[in-house]
Amino acid sequence: MLDRITSMRVFVRAASAGSLSAAARHLGMSPAMATKHVDALEARLGVKLFHRSTRRLSLTEAGSRYLEACQRILPEIDEAEASIASQRVEATGLLRLNAPLSFGTRYIAPLLPAFSRRHPAVKVELGLSDSQVDLLDGGWDLAVRIGQLEDSPLQARRLADCAMQVCAAPRYLDERGVPRRVADLAQHNCLGYSLSTLVGSKQWAFGRDAQVRVAISGDLVANNGSALLAAAWVARA
């Protein structure tokens, strides 16, 4: 099926030049293709747009009315496309970005001044939350998350790998000893992250595919990594 907008452009150019061959040359197509575009318009509309002779085209009454409509519509289409294209070149508007609290504070917020200098017409609203957010209901344009991606119709892009490590304060290790095996962690005061999408707050997982797991227990569960880090640093045994 031929593109209707292109067919309209062929029709307008042919009406102006009085020739399908001239319209074809101007639009960079063969005369046969230009003829097909006009034929397709006439078939769709159910009327003749041109009186055709071997020497020149002339508009029918229906063709004159259709020409007026095309001359009004095509510039509006061109203007709409130019407006959208200019936005691709220069980003404008409000960007609503959601990220985990600790990650957003440490890594994203420091980048925003440089982003604003590069895109002065963009205003950024940064929301920080460790909980999973509904982008559509919350009106967010995009979100950065750490962990496994659940099934979703939304588009996602992997930014980087995130290596997880088991850490403890020196004082804690002096008092409780250093675990030598994964299974040893079951005997330690392990702090749980309540928003873990992989294993929850009562297990830790190890290995690329999280195939090694150990049940943990401790005196604190929190929904924020910075809070857990602060608690671990005071070395409560």
Foldseek 3Di string as FASTA:
>chain_A
DDDLLVLLQLLLQCQVVQHSCRSCVVVVHHSVVSVVSQVVVCVVVVHHQWDDDPPGTHGDPVVVVVSVVSVVPNVVVVVVVVVVVVCVVAPADEAEEEEAAVCCVPPVVVCVVVVCVVRVRYHYHYHHHLADDDCVVVVHPYYDHDADDDDDPDDDDDDDHDDDDDDAAPVLCVVPNDDDDPQCQQVDADEFAQRHPPPGGQKDFDDPVSPDMYGHHHDYYYNHPVVRVVVRNVNDD
